[in-house]
Amino acid sequence: MSKPIFVETIKTLGSVIPAGSTIVFDYSDENTHTAHAGERTKKQLALAGGAGEKMLASYSYNALERLLADNGFLIYEHLTPDDVIERYFTRYNIANPNQVITAFDNVNYCLAVKK
């Protein structure tokens, strides 16, 4: 989604869902569309674009937290790629060192709760 569409989506959700509702989404971090993005991220962008799902926007944690707070949400859980690897892939990777699984670079996951 473009930033304006994402902002409008969060505003709309914030205005129509009841307190206690949750939203879960992934988003590209602020380094995705910069020189700090690695080759794997560049490939991810190309693959998504080729599938008609262009990754158009990226956010810093602080900017995302502000956007959500301004629309009545609190971040309940936030996972970076390193968090995802540690939580979900570590045991597998130890057991399968020749087939290590990693999370998508520069992609974070957010669970936000409506206040």
PDB file of N, CA and C in Angstrom:
ATOM      1  N   MET A   1       0.839  -1.190   0.000  1.00  0.00           N
ATOM      2  CA  MET A   1       0.000   0.000   0.000  1.00  0.00           C
ATOM      3  C   MET A   1       0.874   1.240   0.000  1.00  0.00           C
ATOM      4  N   SER A   2       0.371   2.261  -0.607  1.00  0.00           N
ATOM      5  CA  SER A   2       1.066   3.545  -0.503  1.00  0.00           C
ATOM      6  C   SER A   2       0.841   4.102   0.895  1.00  0.00           C
ATOM      7  N   LYS A   3       1.671   5.063   1.304  1.00  0.00           N
ATOM      8  CA  LYS A   3       1.495   5.661   2.632  1.00  0.00           C
ATOM      9  C   LYS A   3       0.111   6.282   2.800  1.00  0.00           C
ATOM     10  N   PRO A   4      -0.367   7.071   1.834  1.00  0.00           N
ATOM     11  CA  PRO A   4      -1.700   7.659   2.028  1.00  0.00           C
ATOM     12  C   PRO A   4      -2.801   6.612   2.204  1.00  0.00           C
ATOM     13  N   ILE A   5      -2.739   5.530   1.473  1.00  0.00           N
ATOM     14  CA  ILE A   5      -3.760   4.487   1.601  1.00  0.00           C
ATOM     15  C   ILE A   5      -3.632   3.773   2.944  1.00  0.00           C
ATOM     16  N   PHE A   6      -2.403   3.521   3.377  1.00  0.00           N
ATOM     17  CA  PHE A   6      -2.212   2.881   4.675  1.00  0.00           C
ATOM     18  C   PHE A   6      -2.719   3.784   5.804  1.00  0.00           C
ATOM     19  N   VAL A   7      -2.383   5.063   5.741  1.00  0.00           N
ATOM     20  CA  VAL A   7      -2.845   6.015   6.759  1.00  0.00           C
ATOM     21  C   VAL A   7      -4.369   6.055   6.781  1.00  0.00           C
ATOM     22  N   GLU A   8      -4.987   6.122   5.618  1.00  0.00           N
ATOM     23  CA  GLU A   8      -6.452   6.154   5.544  1.00  0.00           C
ATOM     24  C   GLU A   8      -7.060   4.859   6.085  1.00  0.00           C
ATOM     25  N   THR A   9      -6.419   3.732   5.818  1.00  0.00           N
ATOM     26  CA  THR A   9      -6.902   2.447   6.332  1.00  0.00           C
ATOM     27  C   THR A   9      -6.859   2.434   7.861  1.00  0.00           C
ATOM     28  N   ILE A  10      -5.758   2.886   8.444  1.00  0.00           N
ATOM     29  CA  ILE A  10      -5.645   2.931   9.906  1.00  0.00           C
ATOM     30  C   ILE A  10      -6.674   3.892  10.487  1.00  0.00           C
ATOM     31  N   LYS A  11      -6.862   5.050   9.852  1.00  0.00           N
ATOM     32  CA  LYS A  11      -7.866   6.009  10.333  1.00  0.00           C
ATOM     33  C   LYS A  11      -9.267   5.401  10.286  1.00  0.00           C
ATOM     34  N   THR A  12      -9.590   4.744   9.199  1.00  0.00           N
ATOM     35  CA  THR A  12     -10.914   4.133   9.063  1.00  0.00           C
ATOM     36  C   THR A  12     -11.114   3.040  10.102  1.00  0.00           C
ATOM     37  N   LEU A  13     -10.136   2.165  10.239  1.00  0.00           N
ATOM     38  CA  LEU A  13     -10.253   1.106  11.242  1.00  0.00           C
ATOM     39  C   LEU A  13     -10.410   1.698  12.635  1.00  0.00           C
ATOM     40  N   GLY A  14      -9.622   2.726  12.936  1.00  0.00           N
ATOM     41  CA  GLY A  14      -9.699   3.357  14.245  1.00  0.00           C
ATOM     42  C   GLY A  14     -11.056   3.971  14.531  1.00  0.00           C
ATOM     43  N   SER A  15     -11.768   4.345  13.486  1.00  0.00           N
ATOM     44  CA  SER A  15     -13.064   4.987  13.685  1.00  0.00           C
ATOM     45  C   SER A  15     -14.237   4.004  13.715  1.00  0.00           C
ATOM     46  N   VAL A  16     -14.021   2.764  13.279  1.00  0.00           N
ATOM     47  CA  VAL A  16     -15.157   1.841  13.184  1.00  0.00           C
ATOM     48  C   VAL A  16     -15.066   0.600  14.057  1.00  0.00           C
ATOM     49  N   ILE A  17     -13.881   0.207  14.479  1.00  0.00           N
ATOM     50  CA  ILE A  17     -13.805  -1.022  15.274  1.00  0.00           C
ATOM     51  C   ILE A  17     -13.898  -0.699  16.760  1.00  0.00           C
ATOM     52  N   PRO A  18     -14.443  -1.616  17.544  1.00  0.00           N
ATOM     53  CA  PRO A  18     -14.615  -1.354  18.972  1.00  0.00           C
ATOM     54  C   PRO A  18     -13.313  -1.504  19.764  1.00  0.00           C
ATOM     55  N   ALA A  19     -13.293  -0.906  20.925  1.00  0.00           N
ATOM     56  CA  ALA A  19     -12.156  -1.032  21.836  1.00  0.00           C
ATOM     57  C   ALA A  19     -11.879  -2.511  22.089  1.00  0.00           C
ATOM     58  N   GLY A  20     -10.613  -2.841  22.173  1.00  0.00           N
ATOM     59  CA  GLY A  20     -10.211  -4.222  22.403  1.00  0.00           C
ATOM     60  C   GLY A  20      -9.962  -5.005  21.135  1.00  0.00           C
ATOM     61  N   SER A  21     -10.383  -4.474  19.994  1.00  0.00           N
ATOM     62  CA  SER A  21     -10.135  -5.140  18.714  1.00  0.00           C
ATOM     63  C   SER A  21      -8.650  -5.076  18.387  1.00  0.00           C
ATOM     64  N   THR A  22      -8.185  -6.050  17.645  1.00  0.00           N
ATOM     65  CA  THR A  22      -6.783  -6.073  17.262  1.00  0.00           C
ATOM     66  C   THR A  22      -6.629  -6.067  15.749  1.00  0.00           C
ATOM     67  N   ILE A  23      -5.534  -5.503  15.319  1.00  0.00           N
ATOM     68  CA  ILE A  23      -5.138  -5.584  13.918  1.00  0.00           C
ATOM     69  C   ILE A  23      -3.714  -6.129  13.886  1.00  0.00           C
ATOM     70  N   VAL A  24      -3.422  -6.924  12.897  1.00  0.00           N
ATOM     71  CA  VAL A  24      -2.094  -7.510  12.728  1.00  0.00           C
ATOM     72  C   VAL A  24      -1.673  -7.272  11.292  1.00  0.00           C
ATOM     73  N   PHE A  25      -0.443  -6.808  11.127  1.00  0.00           N
ATOM     74  CA  PHE A  25       0.047  -6.540   9.776  1.00  0.00           C
ATOM     75  C   PHE A  25       1.567  -6.564   9.763  1.00  0.00           C
ATOM     76  N   ASP A  26       2.095  -6.734   8.574  1.00  0.00           N
ATOM     77  CA  ASP A  26       3.537  -6.577   8.412  1.00  0.00           C
ATOM     78  C   ASP A  26       3.786  -5.272   7.679  1.00  0.00           C
ATOM     79  N   TYR A  27       4.994  -4.757   7.835  1.00  0.00           N
ATOM     80  CA  TYR A  27       5.344  -3.512   7.153  1.00  0.00           C
ATOM     81  C   TYR A  27       6.852  -3.455   6.928  1.00  0.00           C
ATOM     82  N   SER A  28       7.231  -2.734   5.912  1.00  0.00           N
ATOM     83  CA  SER A  28       8.650  -2.539   5.601  1.00  0.00           C
ATOM     84  C   SER A  28       9.226  -1.468   6.507  1.00  0.00           C
ATOM     85  N   ASP A  29      10.445  -1.709   6.998  1.00  0.00           N
ATOM     86  CA  ASP A  29      11.060  -0.708   7.871  1.00  0.00           C
ATOM     87  C   ASP A  29      11.660   0.439   7.066  1.00  0.00           C
ATOM     88  N   GLU A  30      12.142   1.422   7.786  1.00  0.00           N
ATOM     89  CA  GLU A  30      12.613   2.656   7.151  1.00  0.00           C
ATOM     90  C   GLU A  30      13.838   2.470   6.269  1.00  0.00           C
ATOM     91  N   ASN A  31      14.509   1.324   6.334  1.00  0.00           N
ATOM     92  CA  ASN A  31      15.692   1.086   5.505  1.00  0.00           C
ATOM     93  C   ASN A  31      15.381   0.383   4.187  1.00  0.00           C
ATOM     94  N   THR A  32      14.156  -0.045   3.999  1.00  0.00           N
ATOM     95  CA  THR A  32      13.794  -0.862   2.845  1.00  0.00           C
ATOM     96  C   THR A  32      14.108  -0.202   1.507  1.00  0.00           C
ATOM     97  N   HIS A  33      13.789   1.054   1.365  1.00  0.00           N
ATOM     98  CA  HIS A  33      13.959   1.745   0.082  1.00  0.00           C
ATOM     99  C   HIS A  33      15.182   2.657   0.084  1.00  0.00           C
ATOM    100  N   THR A  34      16.220   2.253   0.821  1.00  0.00           N
ATOM    101  CA  THR A  34      17.441   3.060   0.919  1.00  0.00           C
ATOM    102  C   THR A  34      18.653   2.228   0.526  1.00  0.00           C
ATOM    103  N   ALA A  35      19.791   2.865   0.522  1.00  0.00           N
ATOM    104  CA  ALA A  35      21.041   2.165   0.238  1.00  0.00           C
ATOM    105  C   ALA A  35      21.398   1.174   1.344  1.00  0.00           C
ATOM    106  N   HIS A  36      20.760   1.288   2.515  1.00  0.00           N
ATOM    107  CA  HIS A  36      21.009   0.367   3.626  1.00  0.00           C
ATOM    108  C   HIS A  36      20.343  -0.990   3.420  1.00  0.00           C
ATOM    109  N   ALA A  37      19.437  -1.073   2.472  1.00  0.00           N
ATOM    110  CA  ALA A  37      18.774  -2.351   2.180  1.00  0.00           C
ATOM    111  C   ALA A  37      19.769  -3.281   1.500  1.00  0.00           C
ATOM    112  N   GLY A  38      19.746  -4.530   1.903  1.00  0.00           N
ATOM    113  CA  GLY A  38      20.656  -5.506   1.317  1.00  0.00           C
ATOM    114  C   GLY A  38      20.132  -6.064   0.007  1.00  0.00           C
ATOM    115  N   GLU A  39      20.919  -6.928  -0.580  1.00  0.00           N
ATOM    116  CA  GLU A  39      20.541  -7.552  -1.852  1.00  0.00           C
ATOM    117  C   GLU A  39      19.272  -8.382  -1.715  1.00  0.00           C
ATOM    118  N   ARG A  40      19.117  -9.052  -0.594  1.00  0.00           N
ATOM    119  CA  ARG A  40      17.918  -9.874  -0.390  1.00  0.00           C
ATOM    120  C   ARG A  40      16.660  -8.999  -0.388  1.00  0.00           C
ATOM    121  N   THR A  41      16.737  -7.846   0.244  1.00  0.00           N
ATOM    122  CA  THR A  41      15.589  -6.928   0.269  1.00  0.00           C
ATOM    123  C   THR A  41      15.280  -6.437  -1.139  1.00  0.00           C
ATOM    124  N   LYS A  42      16.302  -6.122  -1.893  1.00  0.00           N
ATOM    125  CA  LYS A  42      16.091  -5.672  -3.273  1.00  0.00           C
ATOM    126  C   LYS A  42      15.401  -6.758  -4.099  1.00  0.00           C
ATOM    127  N   LYS A  43      15.779  -8.007  -3.873  1.00  0.00           N
ATOM    128  CA  LYS A  43      15.131  -9.122  -4.567  1.00  0.00           C
ATOM    129  C   LYS A  43      13.670  -9.261  -4.126  1.00  0.00           C
ATOM    130  N   GLN A  44      13.426  -9.097  -2.822  1.00  0.00           N
ATOM    131  CA  GLN A  44      12.058  -9.167  -2.303  1.00  0.00           C
ATOM    132  C   GLN A  44      11.187  -8.099  -2.960  1.00  0.00           C
ATOM    133  N   LEU A  45      11.718  -6.895  -3.079  1.00  0.00           N
ATOM    134  CA  LEU A  45      10.975  -5.802  -3.710  1.00  0.00           C
ATOM    135  C   LEU A  45      10.664  -6.133  -5.166  1.00  0.00           C
ATOM    136  N   ALA A  46      11.646  -6.682  -5.859  1.00  0.00           N
ATOM    137  CA  ALA A  46      11.446  -7.038  -7.265  1.00  0.00           C
ATOM    138  C   ALA A  46      10.416  -8.158  -7.404  1.00  0.00           C
ATOM    139  N   LEU A  47      10.492  -9.154  -6.553  1.00  0.00           N
ATOM    140  CA  LEU A  47       9.530 -10.261  -6.616  1.00  0.00           C
ATOM    141  C   LEU A  47       8.118  -9.776  -6.310  1.00  0.00           C
ATOM    142  N   ALA A  48       7.974  -8.951  -5.282  1.00  0.00           N
ATOM    143  CA  ALA A  48       6.644  -8.429  -4.939  1.00  0.00           C
ATOM    144  C   ALA A  48       6.104  -7.587  -6.085  1.00  0.00           C
ATOM    145  N   GLY A  49       6.942  -6.759  -6.665  1.00  0.00           N
ATOM    146  CA  GLY A  49       6.519  -5.931  -7.792  1.00  0.00           C
ATOM    147  C   GLY A  49       6.118  -6.772  -8.988  1.00  0.00           C
ATOM    148  N   GLY A  50       6.868  -7.833  -9.243  1.00  0.00           N
ATOM    149  CA  GLY A  50       6.547  -8.725 -10.349  1.00  0.00           C
ATOM    150  C   GLY A  50       5.234  -9.459 -10.152  1.00  0.00           C
ATOM    151  N   ALA A  51       4.839  -9.642  -8.899  1.00  0.00           N
ATOM    152  CA  ALA A  51       3.573 -10.309  -8.585  1.00  0.00           C
ATOM    153  C   ALA A  51       2.420  -9.310  -8.477  1.00  0.00           C
ATOM    154  N   GLY A  52       2.704  -8.046  -8.795  1.00  0.00           N
ATOM    155  CA  GLY A  52       1.667  -7.022  -8.728  1.00  0.00           C
ATOM    156  C   GLY A  52       1.397  -6.513  -7.322  1.00  0.00           C
ATOM    157  N   GLU A  53       2.289  -6.782  -6.392  1.00  0.00           N
ATOM    158  CA  GLU A  53       2.134  -6.360  -4.999  1.00  0.00           C
ATOM    159  C   GLU A  53       3.319  -5.484  -4.596  1.00  0.00           C
ATOM    160  N   LYS A  54       3.453  -4.358  -5.241  1.00  0.00           N
ATOM    161  CA  LYS A  54       4.588  -3.482  -4.964  1.00  0.00           C
ATOM    162  C   LYS A  54       4.606  -3.047  -3.507  1.00  0.00           C
ATOM    163  N   MET A  55       5.806  -3.056  -2.945  1.00  0.00           N
ATOM    164  CA  MET A  55       6.008  -2.570  -1.582  1.00  0.00           C
ATOM    165  C   MET A  55       6.333  -1.081  -1.715  1.00  0.00           C
ATOM    166  N   LEU A  56       5.334  -0.248  -1.492  1.00  0.00           N
ATOM    167  CA  LEU A  56       5.462   1.170  -1.803  1.00  0.00           C
ATOM    168  C   LEU A  56       5.924   2.047  -0.658  1.00  0.00           C
ATOM    169  N   ALA A  57       5.700   1.630   0.560  1.00  0.00           N
ATOM    170  CA  ALA A  57       5.969   2.502   1.696  1.00  0.00           C
ATOM    171  C   ALA A  57       6.781   1.769   2.749  1.00  0.00           C
ATOM    172  N   SER A  58       7.421   2.544   3.588  1.00  0.00           N
ATOM    173  CA  SER A  58       8.159   1.984   4.713  1.00  0.00           C
ATOM    174  C   SER A  58       8.041   2.954   5.885  1.00  0.00           C
ATOM    175  N   TYR A  59       8.258   2.433   7.083  1.00  0.00           N
ATOM    176  CA  TYR A  59       8.012   3.212   8.289  1.00  0.00           C
ATOM    177  C   TYR A  59       9.074   2.923   9.340  1.00  0.00           C
ATOM    178  N   SER A  60       9.407   3.909  10.116  1.00  0.00           N
ATOM    179  CA  SER A  60      10.206   3.675  11.310  1.00  0.00           C
ATOM    180  C   SER A  60       9.241   3.222  12.406  1.00  0.00           C
ATOM    181  N   TYR A  61       9.775   2.585  13.425  1.00  0.00           N
ATOM    182  CA  TYR A  61       8.924   2.169  14.536  1.00  0.00           C
ATOM    183  C   TYR A  61       8.233   3.383  15.150  1.00  0.00           C
ATOM    184  N   ASN A  62       8.987   4.464  15.351  1.00  0.00           N
ATOM    185  CA  ASN A  62       8.413   5.659  15.978  1.00  0.00           C
ATOM    186  C   ASN A  62       7.288   6.265  15.143  1.00  0.00           C
ATOM    187  N   ALA A  63       7.473   6.325  13.840  1.00  0.00           N
ATOM    188  CA  ALA A  63       6.420   6.878  12.971  1.00  0.00           C
ATOM    189  C   ALA A  63       5.178   5.992  12.999  1.00  0.00           C
ATOM    190  N   LEU A  64       5.382   4.691  12.986  1.00  0.00           N
ATOM    191  CA  LEU A  64       4.248   3.770  13.038  1.00  0.00           C
ATOM    192  C   LEU A  64       3.522   3.895  14.373  1.00  0.00           C
ATOM    193  N   GLU A  65       4.273   3.951  15.458  1.00  0.00           N
ATOM    194  CA  GLU A  65       3.670   4.080  16.780  1.00  0.00           C
ATOM    195  C   GLU A  65       2.842   5.360  16.881  1.00  0.00           C
ATOM    196  N   ARG A  66       3.348   6.457  16.329  1.00  0.00           N
ATOM    197  CA  ARG A  66       2.627   7.735  16.322  1.00  0.00           C
ATOM    198  C   ARG A  66       1.336   7.637  15.518  1.00  0.00           C
ATOM    199  N   LEU A  67       1.425   7.068  14.320  1.00  0.00           N
ATOM    200  CA  LEU A  67       0.246   6.913  13.471  1.00  0.00           C
ATOM    201  C   LEU A  67      -0.827   6.101  14.184  1.00  0.00           C
ATOM    202  N   LEU A  68      -0.429   4.992  14.766  1.00  0.00           N
ATOM    203  CA  LEU A  68      -1.387   4.148  15.465  1.00  0.00           C
ATOM    204  C   LEU A  68      -1.981   4.864  16.674  1.00  0.00           C
ATOM    205  N   ALA A  69      -1.149   5.502  17.467  1.00  0.00           N
ATOM    206  CA  ALA A  69      -1.626   6.218  18.659  1.00  0.00           C
ATOM    207  C   ALA A  69      -2.586   7.330  18.281  1.00  0.00           C
ATOM    208  N   ASP A  70      -2.279   8.046  17.217  1.00  0.00           N
ATOM    209  CA  ASP A  70      -3.158   9.136  16.768  1.00  0.00           C
ATOM    210  C   ASP A  70      -4.539   8.629  16.362  1.00  0.00           C
ATOM    211  N   ASN A  71      -4.636   7.331  16.119  1.00  0.00           N
ATOM    212  CA  ASN A  71      -5.907   6.746  15.684  1.00  0.00           C
ATOM    213  C   ASN A  71      -6.468   5.744  16.682  1.00  0.00           C
ATOM    214  N   GLY A  72      -6.012   5.851  17.924  1.00  0.00           N
ATOM    215  CA  GLY A  72      -6.600   5.075  19.001  1.00  0.00           C
ATOM    216  C   GLY A  72      -6.050   3.678  19.211  1.00  0.00           C
ATOM    217  N   PHE A  73      -4.863   3.391  18.710  1.00  0.00           N
ATOM    218  CA  PHE A  73      -4.270   2.069  18.852  1.00  0.00           C
ATOM    219  C   PHE A  73      -3.006   2.121  19.704  1.00  0.00           C
ATOM    220  N   LEU A  74      -2.748   1.024  20.385  1.00  0.00           N
ATOM    221  CA  LEU A  74      -1.489   0.821  21.089  1.00  0.00           C
ATOM    222  C   LEU A  74      -0.800  -0.396  20.483  1.00  0.00           C
ATOM    223  N   ILE A  75       0.512  -0.306  20.310  1.00  0.00           N
ATOM    224  CA  ILE A  75       1.252  -1.473  19.835  1.00  0.00           C
ATOM    225  C   ILE A  75       1.363  -2.446  21.002  1.00  0.00           C
ATOM    226  N   TYR A  76       0.828  -3.621  20.813  1.00  0.00           N
ATOM    227  CA  TYR A  76       0.842  -4.657  21.837  1.00  0.00           C
ATOM    228  C   TYR A  76       2.049  -5.572  21.649  1.00  0.00           C
ATOM    229  N   GLU A  77       2.380  -5.847  20.391  1.00  0.00           N
ATOM    230  CA  GLU A  77       3.539  -6.675  20.088  1.00  0.00           C
ATOM    231  C   GLU A  77       4.148  -6.208  18.779  1.00  0.00           C
ATOM    232  N   HIS A  78       5.473  -6.185  18.746  1.00  0.00           N
ATOM    233  CA  HIS A  78       6.208  -5.760  17.558  1.00  0.00           C
ATOM    234  C   HIS A  78       7.385  -6.703  17.384  1.00  0.00           C
ATOM    235  N   LEU A  79       7.506  -7.287  16.204  1.00  0.00           N
ATOM    236  CA  LEU A  79       8.589  -8.228  15.931  1.00  0.00           C
ATOM    237  C   LEU A  79       9.426  -7.767  14.757  1.00  0.00           C
ATOM    238  N   THR A  80      10.719  -7.663  14.983  1.00  0.00           N
ATOM    239  CA  THR A  80      11.673  -7.391  13.918  1.00  0.00           C
ATOM    240  C   THR A  80      12.075  -8.731  13.293  1.00  0.00           C
ATOM    241  N   PRO A  81      12.809  -8.704  12.176  1.00  0.00           N
ATOM    242  CA  PRO A  81      13.266  -9.975  11.607  1.00  0.00           C
ATOM    243  C   PRO A  81      14.074 -10.810  12.606  1.00  0.00           C
ATOM    244  N   ASP A  82      14.936 -10.161  13.397  1.00  0.00           N
ATOM    245  CA  ASP A  82      15.708 -10.902  14.398  1.00  0.00           C
ATOM    246  C   ASP A  82      14.800 -11.536  15.447  1.00  0.00           C
ATOM    247  N   ASP A  83      13.753 -10.817  15.856  1.00  0.00           N
ATOM    248  CA  ASP A  83      12.791 -11.379  16.817  1.00  0.00           C
ATOM    249  C   ASP A  83      12.098 -12.607  16.241  1.00  0.00           C
ATOM    250  N   VAL A  84      11.711 -12.536  14.973  1.00  0.00           N
ATOM    251  CA  VAL A  84      11.029 -13.654  14.321  1.00  0.00           C
ATOM    252  C   VAL A  84      11.951 -14.873  14.276  1.00  0.00           C
ATOM    253  N   ILE A  85      13.192 -14.645  13.902  1.00  0.00           N
ATOM    254  CA  ILE A  85      14.151 -15.759  13.849  1.00  0.00           C
ATOM    255  C   ILE A  85      14.313 -16.377  15.229  1.00  0.00           C
ATOM    256  N   GLU A  86      14.510 -15.541  16.233  1.00  0.00           N
ATOM    257  CA  GLU A  86      14.724 -16.054  17.589  1.00  0.00           C
ATOM    258  C   GLU A  86      13.506 -16.822  18.096  1.00  0.00           C
ATOM    259  N   ARG A  87      12.331 -16.263  17.907  1.00  0.00           N
ATOM    260  CA  ARG A  87      11.120 -16.873  18.457  1.00  0.00           C
ATOM    261  C   ARG A  87      10.662 -18.117  17.697  1.00  0.00           C
ATOM    262  N   TYR A  88      10.732 -18.060  16.368  1.00  0.00           N
ATOM    263  CA  TYR A  88      10.105 -19.111  15.575  1.00  0.00           C
ATOM    264  C   TYR A  88      11.057 -20.054  14.859  1.00  0.00           C
ATOM    265  N   PHE A  89      12.286 -19.642  14.604  1.00  0.00           N
ATOM    266  CA  PHE A  89      13.159 -20.453  13.764  1.00  0.00           C
ATOM    267  C   PHE A  89      14.390 -21.021  14.463  1.00  0.00           C
ATOM    268  N   THR A  90      14.708 -20.560  15.662  1.00  0.00           N
ATOM    269  CA  THR A  90      15.947 -20.969  16.315  1.00  0.00           C
ATOM    270  C   THR A  90      16.046 -22.480  16.494  1.00  0.00           C
ATOM    271  N   ARG A  91      15.021 -23.084  17.062  1.00  0.00           N
ATOM    272  CA  ARG A  91      15.085 -24.535  17.309  1.00  0.00           C
ATOM    273  C   ARG A  91      15.222 -25.306  16.000  1.00  0.00           C
ATOM    274  N   TYR A  92      14.477 -24.897  14.986  1.00  0.00           N
ATOM    275  CA  TYR A  92      14.588 -25.552  13.683  1.00  0.00           C
ATOM    276  C   TYR A  92      16.005 -25.383  13.134  1.00  0.00           C
ATOM    277  N   ASN A  93      16.533 -24.163  13.195  1.00  0.00           N
ATOM    278  CA  ASN A  93      17.860 -23.891  12.633  1.00  0.00           C
ATOM    279  C   ASN A  93      18.959 -24.665  13.345  1.00  0.00           C
ATOM    280  N   ILE A  94      18.821 -24.864  14.648  1.00  0.00           N
ATOM    281  CA  ILE A  94      19.789 -25.678  15.383  1.00  0.00           C
ATOM    282  C   ILE A  94      19.709 -27.132  14.918  1.00  0.00           C
ATOM    283  N   ALA A  95      18.504 -27.615  14.726  1.00  0.00           N
ATOM    284  CA  ALA A  95      18.313 -29.005  14.301  1.00  0.00           C
ATOM    285  C   ALA A  95      18.639 -29.218  12.825  1.00  0.00           C
ATOM    286  N   ASN A  96      18.610 -28.157  12.032  1.00  0.00           N
ATOM    287  CA  ASN A  96      18.829 -28.260  10.583  1.00  0.00           C
ATOM    288  C   ASN A  96      19.833 -27.201  10.112  1.00  0.00           C
ATOM    289  N   PRO A  97      21.072 -27.303  10.556  1.00  0.00           N
ATOM    290  CA  PRO A  97      22.046 -26.248  10.233  1.00  0.00           C
ATOM    291  C   PRO A  97      22.359 -26.099   8.744  1.00  0.00           C
ATOM    292  N   ASN A  98      22.017 -27.090   7.948  1.00  0.00           N
ATOM    293  CA  ASN A  98      22.260 -26.993   6.505  1.00  0.00           C
ATOM    294  C   ASN A  98      21.088 -26.394   5.747  1.00  0.00           C
ATOM    295  N   GLN A  99      19.982 -26.147   6.447  1.00  0.00           N
ATOM    296  CA  GLN A  99      18.784 -25.569   5.826  1.00  0.00           C
ATOM    297  C   GLN A  99      18.201 -24.489   6.738  1.00  0.00           C
ATOM    298  N   VAL A 100      19.007 -23.522   7.058  1.00  0.00           N
ATOM    299  CA  VAL A 100      18.606 -22.461   7.979  1.00  0.00           C
ATOM    300  C   VAL A 100      17.493 -21.613   7.368  1.00  0.00           C
ATOM    301  N   ILE A 101      16.493 -21.290   8.193  1.00  0.00           N
ATOM    302  CA  ILE A 101      15.387 -20.420   7.797  1.00  0.00           C
ATOM    303  C   ILE A 101      15.602 -19.056   8.438  1.00  0.00           C
ATOM    304  N   THR A 102      15.378 -18.006   7.662  1.00  0.00           N
ATOM    305  CA  THR A 102      15.467 -16.655   8.208  1.00  0.00           C
ATOM    306  C   THR A 102      14.203 -15.886   7.857  1.00  0.00           C
ATOM    307  N   ALA A 103      13.953 -14.851   8.612  1.00  0.00           N
ATOM    308  CA  ALA A 103      12.809 -13.980   8.340  1.00  0.00           C
ATOM    309  C   ALA A 103      13.151 -13.054   7.181  1.00  0.00           C
ATOM    310  N   PHE A 104      12.125 -12.447   6.592  1.00  0.00           N
ATOM    311  CA  PHE A 104      12.357 -11.477   5.529  1.00  0.00           C
ATOM    312  C   PHE A 104      13.102 -10.268   6.085  1.00  0.00           C
ATOM    313  N   ASP A 105      14.147  -9.859   5.404  1.00  0.00           N
ATOM    314  CA  ASP A 105      14.896  -8.676   5.803  1.00  0.00           C
ATOM    315  C   ASP A 105      14.000  -7.444   5.731  1.00  0.00           C
ATOM    316  N   ASN A 106      14.170  -6.542   6.670  1.00  0.00           N
ATOM    317  CA  ASN A 106      13.497  -5.242   6.676  1.00  0.00           C
ATOM    318  C   ASN A 106      11.981  -5.321   6.777  1.00  0.00           C
ATOM    319  N   VAL A 107      11.435  -6.479   7.156  1.00  0.00           N
ATOM    320  CA  VAL A 107       9.992  -6.607   7.316  1.00  0.00           C
ATOM    321  C   VAL A 107       9.701  -6.881   8.792  1.00  0.00           C
ATOM    322  N   ASN A 108       8.892  -6.014   9.382  1.00  0.00           N
ATOM    323  CA  ASN A 108       8.495  -6.140  10.780  1.00  0.00           C
ATOM    324  C   ASN A 108       7.035  -6.527  10.861  1.00  0.00           C
ATOM    325  N   TYR A 109       6.640  -7.066  12.002  1.00  0.00           N
ATOM    326  CA  TYR A 109       5.264  -7.484  12.242  1.00  0.00           C
ATOM    327  C   TYR A 109       4.717  -6.730  13.451  1.00  0.00           C
ATOM    328  N   CYS A 110       3.477  -6.297  13.360  1.00  0.00           N
ATOM    329  CA  CYS A 110       2.884  -5.488  14.399  1.00  0.00           C
ATOM    330  C   CYS A 110       1.500  -5.999  14.761  1.00  0.00           C
ATOM    331  N   LEU A 111       1.241  -6.108  16.051  1.00  0.00           N
ATOM    332  CA  LEU A 111      -0.085  -6.396  16.562  1.00  0.00           C
ATOM    333  C   LEU A 111      -0.461  -5.174  17.379  1.00  0.00           C
ATOM    334  N   ALA A 112      -1.524  -4.496  16.965  1.00  0.00           N
ATOM    335  CA  ALA A 112      -1.980  -3.287  17.652  1.00  0.00           C
ATOM    336  C   ALA A 112      -3.399  -3.498  18.161  1.00  0.00           C
ATOM    337  N   VAL A 113      -3.680  -2.896  19.305  1.00  0.00           N
ATOM    338  CA  VAL A 113      -4.974  -3.051  19.963  1.00  0.00           C
ATOM    339  C   VAL A 113      -5.643  -1.686  20.042  1.00  0.00           C
ATOM    340  N   LYS A 114      -6.929  -1.667  19.708  1.00  0.00           N
ATOM    341  CA  LYS A 114      -7.716  -0.438  19.797  1.00  0.00           C
ATOM    342  C   LYS A 114      -7.995  -0.132  21.258  1.00  0.00           C
ATOM    343  N   LYS A 115      -7.660   1.080  21.685  1.00  0.00           N
ATOM    344  CA  LYS A 115      -7.876   1.500  23.087  1.00  0.00           C
ATOM    345  C   LYS A 115      -9.360   1.644  23.374  1.00  0.00           C
TER     346      LYS A 115
END
